[in-house]
Protein backbone atom coordinates (compact mmCIF):
# COMPACT_ATOMS: atom_id res chain seq x y z
CA MET A 1 -45.37 37.25 35.28
CA LYS A 2 -49.06 37.33 34.61
CA GLU A 3 -49.26 37.41 30.83
CA ILE A 4 -47.34 37.54 27.58
CA ILE A 5 -48.76 39.14 24.43
CA PHE A 6 -48.09 37.91 20.91
CA GLU A 7 -48.68 39.97 17.78
CA VAL A 8 -50.13 37.59 15.17
CA LEU A 9 -49.93 38.30 11.44
CA GLU A 10 -51.42 36.30 8.58
CA ASP A 11 -48.82 35.46 5.93
CA ALA A 12 -49.44 35.91 2.21
CA THR A 13 -49.45 32.11 1.90
CA GLY A 14 -52.28 31.74 4.43
CA GLY A 15 -50.15 30.73 7.41
CA TYR A 16 -49.59 32.73 10.58
CA SER A 17 -46.59 34.14 12.42
CA ALA A 18 -46.49 35.26 16.05
CA ASN A 19 -43.97 37.50 17.83
CA ALA A 20 -43.99 38.13 21.59
CA LEU A 21 -43.94 41.79 22.56
CA GLY A 22 -40.86 42.50 24.69
CA TYR A 23 -39.43 38.98 24.45
CA GLY A 24 -37.45 37.05 21.86
CA VAL A 25 -40.18 34.46 21.31
CA HIS A 26 -41.21 33.88 17.70
CA THR A 27 -43.09 31.05 16.01
CA GLN A 28 -45.37 30.26 13.09
CA GLY A 29 -48.02 27.81 11.95
CA ASP A 30 -49.94 26.82 8.84
CA SER A 31 -53.28 27.04 10.68
CA LEU A 32 -54.57 28.80 13.79
CA GLU A 33 -54.70 25.49 15.65
CA GLU A 34 -51.04 24.77 14.79
CA LEU A 35 -50.04 28.34 15.69
CA ARG A 36 -51.69 28.07 19.12
CA CYS A 37 -49.86 24.81 19.81
CA ASN A 38 -46.54 26.29 18.62
CA VAL A 39 -47.00 29.42 20.75
CA ARG A 40 -47.53 27.33 23.88
CA GLU A 41 -44.47 25.23 23.06
CA ALA A 42 -42.33 28.31 22.35
CA VAL A 43 -43.33 29.92 25.66
CA ASN A 44 -42.54 26.73 27.58
CA CYS A 45 -39.12 26.52 25.91
CA TYR A 46 -38.31 30.20 26.45
CA PHE A 47 -39.23 30.20 30.15
CA ASP A 48 -37.33 27.22 31.59
CA GLU A 49 -38.66 27.58 35.12
CA GLU A 50 -42.38 27.01 35.61
CA ASP A 51 -42.53 29.89 38.12
CA ASP A 52 -41.25 32.28 35.43
CA ARG A 53 -43.86 31.28 32.83
CA PRO A 54 -46.80 33.61 32.24
CA ALA A 55 -50.22 32.51 33.46
CA ILE A 56 -51.92 33.93 30.35
CA ILE A 57 -50.85 33.93 26.71
CA ARG A 58 -52.68 36.62 24.75
CA LEU A 59 -52.80 36.54 20.94
CA HIS A 60 -53.34 39.96 19.36
CA PHE A 61 -54.39 39.55 15.72
CA VAL A 62 -53.22 42.34 13.42
CA ARG A 63 -54.95 42.69 10.10
CA ASP A 64 -53.52 44.92 7.41
CA GLU A 65 -55.99 46.19 4.85
CA VAL A 66 -55.14 48.17 1.72
CA LEU A 67 -57.77 50.26 -0.03
CA ALA A 68 -57.39 51.30 -3.66
CA VAL A 69 -58.04 54.96 -4.39
């Protein structure tokens, strides 16, 4: 596997949550630095064998914006 993509959302409390697209890998962090560390750890735990682990972890940041009319 070459890469795994995570959808990253900012929580209302200022933290972040990340969900892998197509895999059951989910994690969160209070800061971007903590989230990045937790994502790496979650990927390593999910893929037991080193040969199965993706070479690239891509974080896709999704920002939701609401405009008042």
